[in-house]
Amino acid sequence: MATILDTRELTPVTKLLVLEAPLVARHARPGQFVILRVDPHGERVPISLTDYDPVSGTITLVVQHVGKTSGLLCALAPGDDVLDLAGPLGRPVQLPEQGHAVLVGGGFGAGAIHPLARELSARHVGVTVIIGARTAELVILRDLLEPASDELLVCTDDGSVGYHGFTASLLAELLERGASFTDCLAVGPMAMMRAVADVTRPYELRTLVSLDPIMLDGTGMCGACRVTVGGETKFACIDGPFFDAHAVDFDEAVVRSKMYVEDERSAVELAGAV
């Protein structure tokens, strides 16, 4: 059980939660995630760590309301408890020790790249962050990402703030203009990560993507997060979540990411009927 200490509404559908979890905070590393269960009848939900503080014993998560369980999480208030919390899970991401990394976060993926940016800055690696959302109202965590990066660039689909277009399009323009990136890491919707991989492939730019969107159980037991990387079968939860973007079979990954869409929609409809 973990207690909610603080919450903050980031957008109408996205919420930041600070939880008391000293053991997780003590052992967490960039790129890892936790598994939450809200009630005894609820599903296990994997969520990337946005922040962790071993001194205060807290972890920070960003939750987007897309289904029944995420809606229950977003409804929690300070003082409420999460029934189960397991973590840190997954392998820490392999970050460079030098050079200049570009981190790309789509939507709530901005939360997952914050610990990466912070660690890279601590290593004195150059950090450019690109975050994107459909509109200005949905851009999140600029207050956390600005101090953790050398440059923060914002993209919106409608042009209401920052660059008018997708994150991958801006990345392509930067590379075409000669940006000297040595590494790229992307977290967000599957289509966005696939687009980033397509952009960086001709430049042979080392690119890692997080395949957390296809996880369910989070421990390698259910098999739902199987993905093919470099012709080999991997499990996103225990072998990842970060993988070489240029080796990922995105055709397969996209199909797996949509396997339970109808079940999630049914769960939301049933919850609304109660």
Protein backbone atom coordinates (compact mmCIF):
# COMPACT_ATOMS: atom_id res chain seq x y z
CA MET A 1 0.00 0.00 0.00
CA ALA A 2 1.22 3.52 -0.83
CA THR A 3 -0.23 6.82 0.32
CA ILE A 4 -0.87 9.77 -1.99
CA LEU A 5 0.92 12.79 -0.53
CA ASP A 6 0.19 15.39 -3.19
CA THR A 7 -1.54 15.78 -6.54
CA ARG A 8 -1.52 18.35 -9.31
CA GLU A 9 -3.78 18.63 -12.33
CA LEU A 10 -1.57 19.07 -15.39
CA THR A 11 -4.32 19.05 -18.02
CA PRO A 12 -8.03 18.19 -17.98
CA VAL A 13 -7.05 14.54 -18.58
CA THR A 14 -3.61 14.31 -16.96
CA LYS A 15 -2.66 14.32 -13.30
CA LEU A 16 0.60 14.30 -11.36
CA LEU A 17 0.70 12.11 -8.24
CA VAL A 18 3.33 12.13 -5.48
CA LEU A 19 3.35 8.91 -3.45
CA GLU A 20 5.11 7.77 -0.32
CA ALA A 21 7.27 4.84 -1.49
CA PRO A 22 10.69 4.91 0.24
CA LEU A 23 11.94 1.53 -0.99
CA VAL A 24 11.08 2.30 -4.61
CA ALA A 25 12.59 5.79 -4.37
CA ARG A 26 15.80 4.36 -2.89
CA HIS A 27 16.39 1.85 -5.68
CA ALA A 28 14.88 3.58 -8.74
CA ARG A 29 16.98 4.39 -11.79
CA PRO A 30 16.20 6.37 -14.98
CA GLY A 31 13.96 4.49 -17.37
CA GLN A 32 12.26 2.25 -14.84
CA PHE A 33 8.57 1.98 -13.97
CA VAL A 34 6.16 0.80 -11.28
CA ILE A 35 3.01 -1.30 -11.29
CA LEU A 36 -0.08 -0.02 -9.48
CA ARG A 37 -3.38 -1.62 -8.47
CA VAL A 38 -6.09 0.66 -7.14
CA ASP A 39 -8.50 -1.91 -5.67
CA PRO A 40 -8.76 -5.70 -5.23
CA HIS A 41 -10.74 -6.09 -8.46
CA GLY A 42 -8.67 -3.72 -10.55
CA GLU A 43 -6.06 -4.36 -13.22
CA ARG A 44 -2.32 -3.91 -12.78
CA VAL A 45 -1.21 -0.70 -14.47
CA PRO A 46 2.42 0.02 -15.46
CA ILE A 47 3.45 3.68 -15.13
CA SER A 48 6.87 5.20 -15.86
CA LEU A 49 8.60 7.06 -13.07
CA THR A 50 8.59 10.82 -13.54
CA ASP A 51 10.66 11.51 -10.44
CA TYR A 52 12.01 9.80 -7.34
CA ASP A 53 13.65 11.19 -4.22
CA PRO A 54 15.46 8.73 -1.92
CA VAL A 55 15.82 11.43 0.75
CA SER A 56 12.10 12.21 1.09
CA GLY A 57 11.13 8.65 0.15
CA THR A 58 8.72 9.77 -2.55
CA ILE A 59 8.06 8.94 -6.18
CA THR A 60 6.22 11.04 -8.76
CA LEU A 61 3.98 9.65 -11.49
CA VAL A 62 2.08 11.21 -14.37
CA VAL A 63 -1.23 9.50 -15.14
CA GLN A 64 -3.38 10.13 -18.19
CA HIS A 65 -7.08 9.32 -17.93
CA VAL A 66 -7.62 6.92 -20.84
CA GLY A 67 -9.50 4.03 -19.20
CA LYS A 68 -11.30 2.82 -16.09
CA THR A 69 -8.24 2.22 -13.87
CA SER A 70 -6.38 5.36 -14.94
CA GLY A 71 -9.59 7.26 -14.20
CA LEU A 72 -9.65 5.82 -10.68
CA LEU A 73 -6.02 6.86 -10.22
CA CYS A 74 -6.73 10.39 -11.39
CA ALA A 75 -9.58 10.61 -8.89
CA LEU A 76 -7.29 9.97 -5.91
CA ALA A 77 -6.57 12.82 -3.50
CA PRO A 78 -3.89 13.45 -0.85
CA GLY A 79 -4.39 10.98 1.99
CA ASP A 80 -5.86 8.27 -0.24
CA ASP A 81 -4.06 4.95 -0.61
CA VAL A 82 -3.09 2.87 -3.62
CA LEU A 83 -3.73 -0.78 -2.78
CA ASP A 84 -0.59 -2.22 -4.40
CA LEU A 85 2.65 -0.68 -5.62
CA ALA A 86 5.50 -2.77 -7.04
CA GLY A 87 8.81 -1.45 -8.31
CA PRO A 88 11.14 -0.31 -9.53
CA LEU A 89 10.65 -2.64 -12.50
CA GLY A 90 12.33 -2.96 -15.87
CA ARG A 91 15.95 -2.36 -16.79
CA PRO A 92 17.48 1.09 -16.26
CA VAL A 93 18.06 2.76 -19.61
CA GLN A 94 21.64 2.80 -20.90
CA LEU A 95 22.45 6.51 -21.02
CA PRO A 96 25.56 8.00 -22.64
CA GLU A 97 28.44 9.40 -20.60
CA GLN A 98 29.25 12.14 -23.09
CA GLY A 99 27.97 13.88 -26.19
CA HIS A 100 24.63 15.59 -26.79
CA ALA A 101 21.35 13.71 -26.37
CA VAL A 102 17.99 14.74 -27.77
CA LEU A 103 15.00 13.51 -25.74
CA VAL A 104 11.59 13.39 -27.40
CA GLY A 105 8.43 13.18 -25.31
CA GLY A 106 4.97 12.91 -26.80
CA GLY A 107 2.01 13.80 -24.58
CA PHE A 108 2.34 12.20 -21.15
CA GLY A 109 5.70 10.77 -22.33
CA ALA A 110 7.17 14.06 -21.16
CA GLY A 111 6.94 12.67 -17.65
CA ALA A 112 9.07 9.64 -18.46
CA ILE A 113 11.91 11.64 -20.02
CA HIS A 114 12.37 13.90 -16.99
CA PRO A 115 14.56 11.47 -14.98
CA LEU A 116 16.59 10.81 -18.14
CA ALA A 117 17.21 14.52 -18.68
CA ARG A 118 18.15 15.03 -15.04
CA GLU A 119 20.64 12.14 -15.06
CA LEU A 120 22.21 13.23 -18.34
CA SER A 121 22.64 16.77 -17.03
CA ALA A 122 24.32 15.37 -13.92
CA ARG A 123 26.76 13.57 -16.23
CA HIS A 124 27.41 16.86 -18.08
CA VAL A 125 25.95 15.45 -21.28
CA GLY A 126 24.27 18.04 -23.50
CA VAL A 127 20.47 17.76 -23.37
CA THR A 128 17.92 19.02 -25.87
CA VAL A 129 14.33 18.16 -25.00
CA ILE A 130 11.47 18.16 -27.51
CA ILE A 131 7.97 17.73 -26.10
CA GLY A 132 4.74 17.70 -28.03
CA ALA A 133 0.98 17.75 -27.57
CA ARG A 134 -2.11 18.34 -29.65
CA THR A 135 -2.63 21.84 -28.26
CA ALA A 136 -1.06 24.28 -25.77
CA GLU A 137 -3.51 23.22 -23.06
CA LEU A 138 -2.07 19.69 -23.14
CA VAL A 139 1.63 20.56 -22.88
CA ILE A 140 2.95 19.31 -19.53
CA LEU A 141 5.94 19.54 -17.17
CA ARG A 142 7.79 22.47 -18.67
CA ASP A 143 8.60 23.52 -15.09
CA LEU A 144 10.45 20.24 -14.49
CA LEU A 145 12.10 19.84 -17.88
CA GLU A 146 13.51 23.35 -18.34
CA PRO A 147 15.99 23.17 -15.44
CA ALA A 148 16.98 19.62 -16.45
CA SER A 149 17.91 20.52 -20.04
CA ASP A 150 20.07 22.89 -22.03
CA GLU A 151 17.28 23.53 -24.50
CA LEU A 152 13.54 22.85 -24.31
CA LEU A 153 11.50 22.91 -27.52
CA VAL A 154 7.71 22.65 -27.56
CA CYS A 155 5.59 21.37 -30.45
CA THR A 156 1.82 21.50 -30.87
CA ASP A 157 -0.25 19.94 -33.62
CA ASP A 158 -2.34 23.10 -33.96
CA GLY A 159 0.52 25.59 -33.57
CA SER A 160 -1.02 27.16 -30.46
CA VAL A 161 2.42 27.25 -28.81
CA GLY A 162 5.93 26.58 -30.06
CA TYR A 163 6.62 24.68 -33.28
CA HIS A 164 3.56 24.03 -35.45
CA GLY A 165 3.79 20.32 -36.16
CA PHE A 166 4.87 16.96 -34.79
CA THR A 167 7.93 16.27 -32.64
CA ALA A 168 9.43 14.00 -35.30
CA SER A 169 9.08 16.77 -37.89
CA LEU A 170 10.97 19.23 -35.71
CA LEU A 171 13.64 16.61 -35.01
CA ALA A 172 14.03 16.06 -38.76
CA GLU A 173 14.50 19.79 -39.32
CA LEU A 174 17.12 20.02 -36.58
CA LEU A 175 19.08 17.11 -38.06
CA GLU A 176 18.82 18.56 -41.56
CA ARG A 177 20.28 21.81 -40.22
CA GLY A 178 23.27 19.89 -38.83
CA ALA A 179 22.40 19.34 -35.16
CA SER A 180 25.23 17.37 -33.59
CA PHE A 181 23.18 14.90 -31.56
CA THR A 182 24.96 11.73 -30.51
CA ASP A 183 21.96 9.97 -28.95
CA CYS A 184 18.18 10.10 -29.17
CA LEU A 185 15.64 8.74 -26.68
CA ALA A 186 11.90 8.88 -27.28
CA VAL A 187 8.87 8.12 -25.11
CA GLY A 188 5.25 8.53 -26.14
CA PRO A 189 2.58 7.10 -28.43
CA MET A 190 3.70 4.23 -30.62
CA ALA A 191 3.17 6.22 -33.83
CA MET A 192 5.38 9.03 -32.54
CA MET A 193 8.21 6.69 -31.55
CA ARG A 194 8.02 4.96 -34.89
CA ALA A 195 8.23 8.32 -36.67
CA VAL A 196 11.27 9.31 -34.59
CA ALA A 197 12.96 6.02 -35.52
CA ASP A 198 12.30 6.68 -39.21
CA VAL A 199 13.79 10.17 -38.90
CA THR A 200 17.00 9.12 -37.16
CA ARG A 201 17.68 5.92 -39.14
CA PRO A 202 19.30 7.61 -42.18
CA TYR A 203 21.66 9.47 -39.82
CA GLU A 204 22.59 6.25 -37.98
CA LEU A 205 21.82 8.15 -34.80
CA ARG A 206 21.62 5.83 -31.80
CA THR A 207 17.94 5.86 -30.86
CA LEU A 208 16.14 4.19 -27.98
CA VAL A 209 12.38 4.01 -27.50
CA SER A 210 10.30 2.89 -24.53
CA LEU A 211 7.78 0.17 -25.33
CA ASP A 212 5.83 0.61 -22.10
CA PRO A 213 2.52 1.19 -24.02
CA ILE A 214 2.19 -2.58 -24.63
CA MET A 215 2.73 -3.77 -21.03
CA LEU A 216 0.10 -5.39 -18.85
CA ASP A 217 1.45 -7.61 -16.08
CA GLY A 218 4.87 -5.98 -15.87
CA THR A 219 6.72 -9.08 -14.65
CA GLY A 220 7.12 -11.14 -17.83
CA MET A 221 4.48 -13.70 -16.87
CA CYS A 222 1.53 -12.74 -19.08
CA GLY A 223 3.43 -12.51 -22.38
CA ALA A 224 1.27 -9.66 -23.68
CA CYS A 225 4.28 -7.39 -24.17
CA ARG A 226 6.19 -9.69 -26.51
CA VAL A 227 7.94 -7.70 -29.18
CA THR A 228 10.48 -8.55 -31.86
CA VAL A 229 13.75 -6.65 -31.65
CA GLY A 230 16.50 -7.47 -34.10
CA GLY A 231 14.69 -10.66 -35.06
CA GLU A 232 14.54 -11.91 -31.46
CA THR A 233 11.53 -12.12 -29.16
CA LYS A 234 11.80 -9.81 -26.16
CA PHE A 235 9.49 -8.87 -23.30
CA ALA A 236 9.05 -5.12 -22.95
CA CYS A 237 8.66 -5.31 -19.17
CA ILE A 238 11.72 -7.35 -18.19
CA ASP A 239 14.05 -6.90 -21.19
CA GLY A 240 13.12 -3.22 -21.56
CA PRO A 241 11.28 -0.98 -21.55
CA PHE A 242 13.91 0.74 -23.71
CA PHE A 243 15.03 -0.89 -26.96
CA ASP A 244 17.00 0.02 -30.08
CA ALA A 245 14.38 1.85 -32.14
CA HIS A 246 15.96 0.81 -35.43
CA ALA A 247 15.67 -2.89 -34.52
CA VAL A 248 12.07 -2.85 -33.22
CA ASP A 249 9.40 -4.50 -35.36
CA PHE A 250 6.91 -1.64 -35.11
CA ASP A 251 4.29 -3.40 -37.26
CA GLU A 252 4.01 -6.05 -34.55
CA ALA A 253 4.32 -3.58 -31.66
CA VAL A 254 1.50 -1.39 -32.99
CA VAL A 255 -0.83 -4.41 -33.24
CA ARG A 256 -0.01 -5.47 -29.68
CA SER A 257 -0.59 -1.95 -28.38
CA LYS A 258 -4.18 -2.11 -29.65
CA MET A 259 -5.05 -5.63 -28.47
CA TYR A 260 -7.19 -4.54 -25.53
CA VAL A 261 -8.75 -1.34 -26.83
CA GLU A 262 -12.25 -2.85 -26.99
CA ASP A 263 -11.91 -4.37 -23.50
CA GLU A 264 -10.83 -1.00 -22.10
CA ARG A 265 -13.77 0.74 -23.78
CA SER A 266 -16.19 -1.85 -22.39
CA ALA A 267 -14.76 -1.41 -18.87
CA VAL A 268 -15.30 2.34 -19.04
CA GLU A 269 -18.87 1.92 -20.30
CA LEU A 270 -19.68 -0.60 -17.56
CA ALA A 271 -18.21 1.67 -14.88
CA GLY A 272 -20.37 4.53 -16.11
CA ALA A 273 -23.49 2.36 -15.95
CA VAL A 274 -22.99 1.46 -12.28
